[in-house]
Amino acid sequence: MAKRLLDCNSSDYAAMTKSELLEAIAASEGRIVITEIIGVLQPVLVNLSNAELACAFGSDILLLNFFDVYSPVFNGIPKVNGEDIIKEIKRLTGRIVGINLEPVDLSQETIGEIRPISKGRLATADTAKKAYEMGANLILLTGNPGTGVSNKAIINSLKEINSVLNDKIILAAGKMHAAGSLKEAGENIINKKDVAEFIEAGADIILLPAPGTVPGITVEYIKDLVTFIHGKERLALTAIGTSQEGADSQTIKQIALMCKMTGTDLHHIGDAGYAGIAIPENIMDYSIAIKGKRHTYTRMARSINR
């Protein structure tokens, strides 16, 4: 039986398989915080990476955004070969590390400015394989604002990546907001049909917008989807991807408790508080709201050499 991720030391992760990691997350009963960070921007603390800052405030899992697997950059960490950046982040933080890849679909109707992204950020079998070889434990197929990501494209990318990596890496899928799609906004971002198709295509974890972050997304709506996801024996991840990671502490705590009410397994907090990271205190406040000070401080204080 896998140890709860809540109780894991850094040395535990190295020996865990994909299935053991998923079991460790499930066994933590909705008390795991995933923090999204951007490394191509200037770190908040200048000489110290946003990855290390996020971990100091209680993050359990790190998620790299805007990370180009063909031209990798992550400011604030010691100079290493680009191929070794993810491994170096894992060495410095002792955390599980995932990356975002984006399944762009420019054939759909879009809204607002659509921003092109580099080849190394697109969700393909090649970029996913590269991410795995670089040390990523998790790949999240999702979309940044204005990238034109669609659920149809997510399904196609899941199938392609799953056929190559299969049981080697955790695959998560879903959108935190419309991501430039005209028809996939509000409650239309995701429904049970989308969830079923994501799972059929190989997703281990389904991402859903956190209640209160997207217009029309309520506790009841997300709770129904989480129950459906659990019925399919998969994990759920609620996400703050609408820059509310930069809101006041009370708002963060309210969102955290609403997400807990849905039954979610993992809690995501985005990167748009300061430059490339949530307001650090909000990471800690979110963590305390869902698992208390004892577990939060334990994560913050636990030596990576254990």
Protein backbone atom coordinates (compact mmCIF):
# COMPACT_ATOMS: atom_id res chain seq x y z
CA MET A 1 0.00 0.00 0.00
CA ALA A 2 1.30 3.46 -0.90
CA LYS A 3 2.02 6.00 1.82
CA ARG A 4 -0.26 9.06 1.85
CA LEU A 5 1.29 11.81 -0.25
CA LEU A 6 0.47 14.02 2.72
CA ASP A 7 3.10 12.09 4.72
CA CYS A 8 5.70 11.44 2.02
CA ASN A 9 9.33 12.44 2.28
CA SER A 10 11.29 13.44 -0.81
CA SER A 11 12.99 10.03 -0.86
CA ASP A 12 9.61 8.30 -1.04
CA TYR A 13 8.76 9.86 -4.40
CA ALA A 14 11.79 8.46 -6.20
CA ALA A 15 10.69 4.89 -5.50
CA MET A 16 7.00 5.34 -6.34
CA THR A 17 5.38 4.17 -9.57
CA LYS A 18 2.63 6.05 -11.36
CA SER A 19 -0.06 3.89 -9.77
CA GLU A 20 1.50 4.33 -6.32
CA LEU A 21 1.57 8.11 -6.75
CA LEU A 22 -2.11 8.13 -7.72
CA GLU A 23 -2.95 5.93 -4.74
CA ALA A 24 -0.94 8.21 -2.43
CA ILE A 25 -2.90 11.22 -3.70
CA ALA A 26 -6.25 9.48 -3.23
CA ALA A 27 -5.27 8.34 0.26
CA SER A 28 -4.64 11.96 1.26
CA GLU A 29 -8.39 12.63 1.08
CA GLY A 30 -8.52 15.99 -0.64
CA ARG A 31 -5.52 17.62 1.05
CA ILE A 32 -2.98 18.01 -1.78
CA VAL A 33 -2.03 21.44 -3.17
CA ILE A 34 -0.64 21.81 -6.69
CA THR A 35 1.00 25.16 -7.30
CA GLU A 36 1.42 26.44 -10.85
CA ILE A 37 4.56 28.48 -11.50
CA ILE A 38 6.27 30.16 -14.43
CA GLY A 39 10.05 29.99 -14.77
CA VAL A 40 10.64 32.18 -17.82
CA LEU A 41 9.73 35.30 -15.82
CA GLN A 42 11.90 37.08 -13.28
CA PRO A 43 11.41 35.29 -9.94
CA VAL A 44 9.71 37.24 -7.16
CA LEU A 45 12.81 36.84 -4.96
CA VAL A 46 15.17 37.52 -7.91
CA ASN A 47 17.92 35.03 -7.03
CA LEU A 48 15.64 32.28 -5.75
CA SER A 49 13.28 30.41 -8.07
CA ASN A 50 9.51 30.60 -7.86
CA ALA A 51 9.59 26.82 -7.46
CA GLU A 52 11.52 27.07 -4.20
CA LEU A 53 9.33 29.94 -2.98
CA ALA A 54 6.15 27.96 -3.68
CA CYS A 55 7.48 24.99 -1.73
CA ALA A 56 8.49 27.17 1.22
CA PHE A 57 4.82 28.12 1.58
CA GLY A 58 3.46 24.57 1.55
CA SER A 59 3.07 23.31 -2.02
CA ASP A 60 2.86 19.53 -2.35
CA ILE A 61 3.24 19.34 -6.14
CA LEU A 62 4.73 21.84 -8.61
CA LEU A 63 3.27 22.49 -12.06
CA LEU A 64 5.41 24.30 -14.61
CA ASN A 65 3.58 26.66 -16.97
CA PHE A 66 4.99 28.25 -20.16
CA PHE A 67 7.67 25.55 -20.10
CA ASP A 68 9.06 24.82 -23.56
CA VAL A 69 10.55 21.33 -23.62
CA TYR A 70 12.68 22.18 -26.67
CA SER A 71 13.97 25.51 -25.29
CA PRO A 72 13.71 25.07 -21.52
CA VAL A 73 14.27 28.06 -19.25
CA PHE A 74 13.69 28.40 -15.52
CA ASN A 75 15.09 31.50 -13.86
CA GLY A 76 16.38 31.51 -10.31
CA ILE A 77 17.91 28.04 -10.22
CA PRO A 78 21.64 27.35 -10.57
CA LYS A 79 22.86 27.10 -14.14
CA VAL A 80 22.30 23.61 -15.47
CA ASN A 81 21.91 22.09 -18.90
CA GLY A 82 18.42 22.72 -20.25
CA GLU A 83 17.77 19.00 -20.37
CA ASP A 84 18.31 18.82 -16.60
CA ILE A 85 16.10 21.72 -15.46
CA ILE A 86 13.16 19.62 -14.24
CA LYS A 87 15.51 17.21 -12.46
CA GLU A 88 17.26 20.16 -10.82
CA ILE A 89 13.94 21.62 -9.64
CA LYS A 90 13.09 18.21 -8.16
CA ARG A 91 16.52 18.04 -6.47
CA LEU A 92 16.19 21.52 -4.98
CA THR A 93 12.59 21.19 -3.82
CA GLY A 94 12.08 17.49 -3.18
CA ARG A 95 8.69 17.68 -4.87
CA ILE A 96 6.79 15.93 -7.64
CA VAL A 97 6.91 18.10 -10.78
CA GLY A 98 4.44 18.33 -13.65
CA ILE A 99 4.19 20.51 -16.75
CA ASN A 100 1.38 22.00 -18.82
CA LEU A 101 1.09 21.10 -22.50
CA GLU A 102 -1.53 22.78 -24.68
CA PRO A 103 -3.75 21.05 -27.27
CA VAL A 104 -4.46 23.99 -29.56
CA ASP A 105 -7.47 23.82 -31.90
CA LEU A 106 -7.63 26.74 -34.31
CA SER A 107 -10.46 25.11 -36.31
CA GLN A 108 -12.98 26.05 -33.59
CA GLU A 109 -14.74 29.40 -33.11
CA THR A 110 -12.59 31.56 -30.85
CA ILE A 111 -13.11 34.73 -28.88
CA GLY A 112 -10.65 37.49 -28.07
CA GLU A 113 -7.00 37.60 -29.06
CA ILE A 114 -5.50 34.20 -29.86
CA ARG A 115 -1.81 34.02 -29.05
CA PRO A 116 0.41 31.54 -30.87
CA ILE A 117 2.58 29.33 -28.68
CA SER A 118 5.89 27.64 -29.35
CA LYS A 119 6.19 24.07 -30.62
CA GLY A 120 7.70 22.95 -27.32
CA ARG A 121 4.53 23.87 -25.42
CA LEU A 122 2.10 22.09 -27.74
CA ALA A 123 0.52 18.83 -26.55
CA THR A 124 1.98 16.16 -28.81
CA ALA A 125 3.41 12.69 -28.29
CA ASP A 126 6.89 14.10 -28.95
CA THR A 127 6.67 16.93 -26.39
CA ALA A 128 5.14 14.58 -23.81
CA LYS A 129 7.90 12.01 -24.36
CA LYS A 130 10.48 14.77 -24.02
CA ALA A 131 8.89 15.97 -20.77
CA TYR A 132 8.99 12.43 -19.39
CA GLU A 133 12.64 12.03 -20.36
CA MET A 134 13.40 15.34 -18.62
CA GLY A 135 11.93 14.01 -15.38
CA ALA A 136 8.31 15.19 -15.30
CA ASN A 137 5.99 13.06 -13.16
CA LEU A 138 2.77 14.55 -14.54
CA ILE A 139 1.50 16.16 -17.73
CA LEU A 140 -1.56 18.40 -17.63
CA LEU A 141 -3.31 18.97 -20.96
CA THR A 142 -4.91 22.38 -20.54
CA GLY A 143 -4.88 25.87 -22.01
CA ASN A 144 -3.62 29.30 -21.07
CA PRO A 145 -5.83 32.32 -21.84
CA GLY A 146 -6.22 33.01 -25.55
CA THR A 147 -4.48 29.87 -26.81
CA GLY A 148 -7.51 28.29 -28.52
CA VAL A 149 -7.48 24.98 -26.66
CA SER A 150 -10.60 22.81 -27.06
CA ASN A 151 -11.91 19.68 -25.37
CA LYS A 152 -11.85 17.87 -28.72
CA ALA A 153 -8.15 18.65 -29.10
CA ILE A 154 -7.51 17.55 -25.50
CA ILE A 155 -9.10 14.17 -26.28
CA ASN A 156 -7.00 13.72 -29.43
CA SER A 157 -3.80 14.65 -27.59
CA LEU A 158 -4.62 12.30 -24.71
CA LYS A 159 -5.01 9.40 -27.12
CA GLU A 160 -1.76 10.23 -28.90
CA ILE A 161 0.27 10.68 -25.70
CA ASN A 162 -1.26 7.69 -23.93
CA SER A 163 -0.33 5.43 -26.84
CA VAL A 164 3.32 6.37 -26.34
CA LEU A 165 3.73 6.77 -22.57
CA ASN A 166 0.89 4.64 -21.20
CA ASP A 167 1.73 3.81 -17.55
CA LYS A 168 4.94 5.84 -17.43
CA ILE A 169 3.48 9.22 -16.48
CA ILE A 170 0.35 10.66 -14.87
CA LEU A 171 -1.97 12.33 -17.40
CA ALA A 172 -4.36 15.06 -16.29
CA ALA A 173 -6.77 16.93 -18.57
CA GLY A 174 -9.25 19.78 -18.51
CA LYS A 175 -9.59 23.56 -18.76
CA MET A 176 -9.59 26.16 -15.98
CA HIS A 177 -11.35 28.73 -18.18
CA ALA A 178 -12.45 29.08 -21.81
CA ALA A 179 -8.84 29.43 -23.09
CA GLY A 180 -10.09 31.42 -26.09
CA SER A 181 -12.89 29.04 -27.05
CA LEU A 182 -16.19 30.75 -27.89
CA LYS A 183 -18.46 27.80 -27.12
CA GLU A 184 -16.56 26.23 -24.21
CA ALA A 185 -17.09 28.87 -21.55
CA GLY A 186 -18.90 28.92 -18.21
CA GLU A 187 -20.74 25.65 -17.60
CA ASN A 188 -19.87 24.62 -21.15
CA ILE A 189 -16.18 24.31 -20.25
CA ILE A 190 -16.80 20.71 -19.20
CA ASN A 191 -19.66 18.26 -18.76
CA LYS A 192 -20.06 14.53 -18.09
CA LYS A 193 -19.67 13.64 -21.75
CA ASP A 194 -16.32 15.45 -21.84
CA VAL A 195 -15.23 13.72 -18.64
CA ALA A 196 -16.14 10.28 -19.99
CA GLU A 197 -14.25 10.96 -23.23
CA PHE A 198 -11.16 12.25 -21.35
CA ILE A 199 -11.11 9.07 -19.27
CA GLU A 200 -11.65 6.84 -22.30
CA ALA A 201 -8.71 8.61 -23.97
CA GLY A 202 -6.40 7.87 -21.03
CA ALA A 203 -6.74 10.63 -18.42
CA ASP A 204 -5.90 9.68 -14.83
CA ILE A 205 -6.98 13.03 -13.37
CA ILE A 206 -9.75 15.35 -14.58
CA LEU A 207 -9.30 19.08 -14.09
CA LEU A 208 -12.38 21.18 -13.30
CA PRO A 209 -12.69 24.93 -12.64
CA ALA A 210 -12.91 25.64 -8.94
CA PRO A 211 -16.36 26.87 -7.81
CA GLY A 212 -16.48 30.65 -7.81
CA THR A 213 -13.69 31.08 -10.35
CA VAL A 214 -15.61 30.86 -13.64
CA PRO A 215 -19.05 32.43 -14.27
CA GLY A 216 -21.78 29.89 -13.57
CA ILE A 217 -19.49 27.31 -11.95
CA THR A 218 -21.07 26.41 -8.60
CA VAL A 219 -20.28 23.94 -5.84
CA GLU A 220 -23.24 21.82 -6.89
CA TYR A 221 -22.17 21.67 -10.54
CA ILE A 222 -18.61 20.63 -9.73
CA LYS A 223 -19.65 18.23 -6.96
CA ASP A 224 -21.84 16.35 -9.46
CA LEU A 225 -18.90 16.07 -11.87
CA VAL A 226 -16.49 14.97 -9.10
CA THR A 227 -18.93 12.24 -8.06
CA PHE A 228 -19.10 11.13 -11.69
CA ILE A 229 -15.30 11.12 -11.96
CA HIS A 230 -14.94 9.05 -8.81
CA GLY A 231 -17.54 6.64 -10.15
CA LYS A 232 -15.18 6.11 -13.10
CA GLU A 233 -12.32 5.42 -10.63
CA ARG A 234 -10.36 8.52 -11.55
CA LEU A 235 -9.17 11.52 -9.54
CA ALA A 236 -10.48 15.09 -9.66
CA LEU A 237 -8.49 18.33 -9.60
CA THR A 238 -10.18 21.69 -9.00
CA ALA A 239 -8.26 24.69 -10.31
CA ILE A 240 -7.96 28.43 -9.77
CA GLY A 241 -6.88 29.66 -13.19
CA THR A 242 -8.60 33.04 -13.29
CA SER A 243 -5.98 35.17 -11.47
CA GLN A 244 -7.90 34.89 -8.18
CA GLU A 245 -4.70 33.42 -6.79
CA GLY A 246 -3.92 37.12 -6.40
CA ALA A 247 -7.10 37.86 -4.43
CA ASP A 248 -7.38 38.50 -0.69
CA SER A 249 -6.86 35.70 1.82
CA GLN A 250 -10.56 35.41 2.69
CA THR A 251 -11.46 34.76 -0.95
CA ILE A 252 -8.77 32.07 -1.18
CA LYS A 253 -10.05 30.35 1.95
CA GLN A 254 -13.63 30.47 0.67
CA ILE A 255 -12.66 28.90 -2.67
CA ALA A 256 -10.59 26.27 -0.85
CA LEU A 257 -13.51 25.18 1.32
CA MET A 258 -15.92 25.17 -1.62
CA CYS A 259 -13.52 22.91 -3.50
CA LYS A 260 -13.29 20.64 -0.47
CA MET A 261 -17.10 20.44 -0.44
CA THR A 262 -17.09 19.14 -4.00
CA GLY A 263 -15.04 16.11 -2.93
CA THR A 264 -12.02 16.93 -5.09
CA ASP A 265 -8.77 15.02 -4.59
CA LEU A 266 -6.33 17.79 -5.55
CA HIS A 267 -6.39 21.58 -5.32
CA HIS A 268 -4.65 23.74 -7.92
CA ILE A 269 -3.68 27.37 -7.40
CA GLY A 270 -2.53 29.39 -10.42
CA ASP A 271 0.50 31.51 -11.25
CA ALA A 272 -0.98 35.01 -11.69
CA GLY A 273 -0.64 36.46 -8.20
CA TYR A 274 2.77 38.04 -8.55
CA ALA A 275 4.99 37.37 -11.57
CA GLY A 276 4.70 33.66 -12.27
CA ILE A 277 3.44 32.54 -8.88
CA ALA A 278 0.42 32.98 -6.62
CA ILE A 279 0.79 35.36 -3.69
CA PRO A 280 2.85 33.08 -1.42
CA GLU A 281 0.68 33.69 1.64
CA ASN A 282 -2.31 32.52 -0.40
CA ILE A 283 -0.61 29.17 -1.04
CA MET A 284 -0.19 28.74 2.69
CA ASP A 285 -3.70 29.98 3.52
CA TYR A 286 -5.22 27.63 0.96
CA SER A 287 -3.25 24.73 2.42
CA ILE A 288 -4.24 25.57 5.99
CA ALA A 289 -7.90 25.80 4.96
CA ILE A 290 -7.95 22.26 3.52
CA LYS A 291 -5.55 20.45 5.87
CA GLY A 292 -4.83 22.61 8.91
CA LYS A 293 -1.65 24.10 10.28
CA ARG A 294 -0.11 20.80 11.44
CA HIS A 295 0.06 19.24 7.97
CA THR A 296 0.81 22.56 6.28
CA TYR A 297 3.71 23.41 8.57
CA THR A 298 4.99 19.84 8.33
CA ARG A 299 5.18 20.17 4.54
CA MET A 300 6.84 23.57 4.83
CA ALA A 301 9.40 22.37 7.40
CA ARG A 302 10.13 18.84 6.17
CA SER A 303 13.75 18.55 5.02
CA ILE A 304 14.24 17.50 1.40
CA ASN A 305 17.06 15.28 2.65
CA ARG A 306 14.64 12.94 4.43
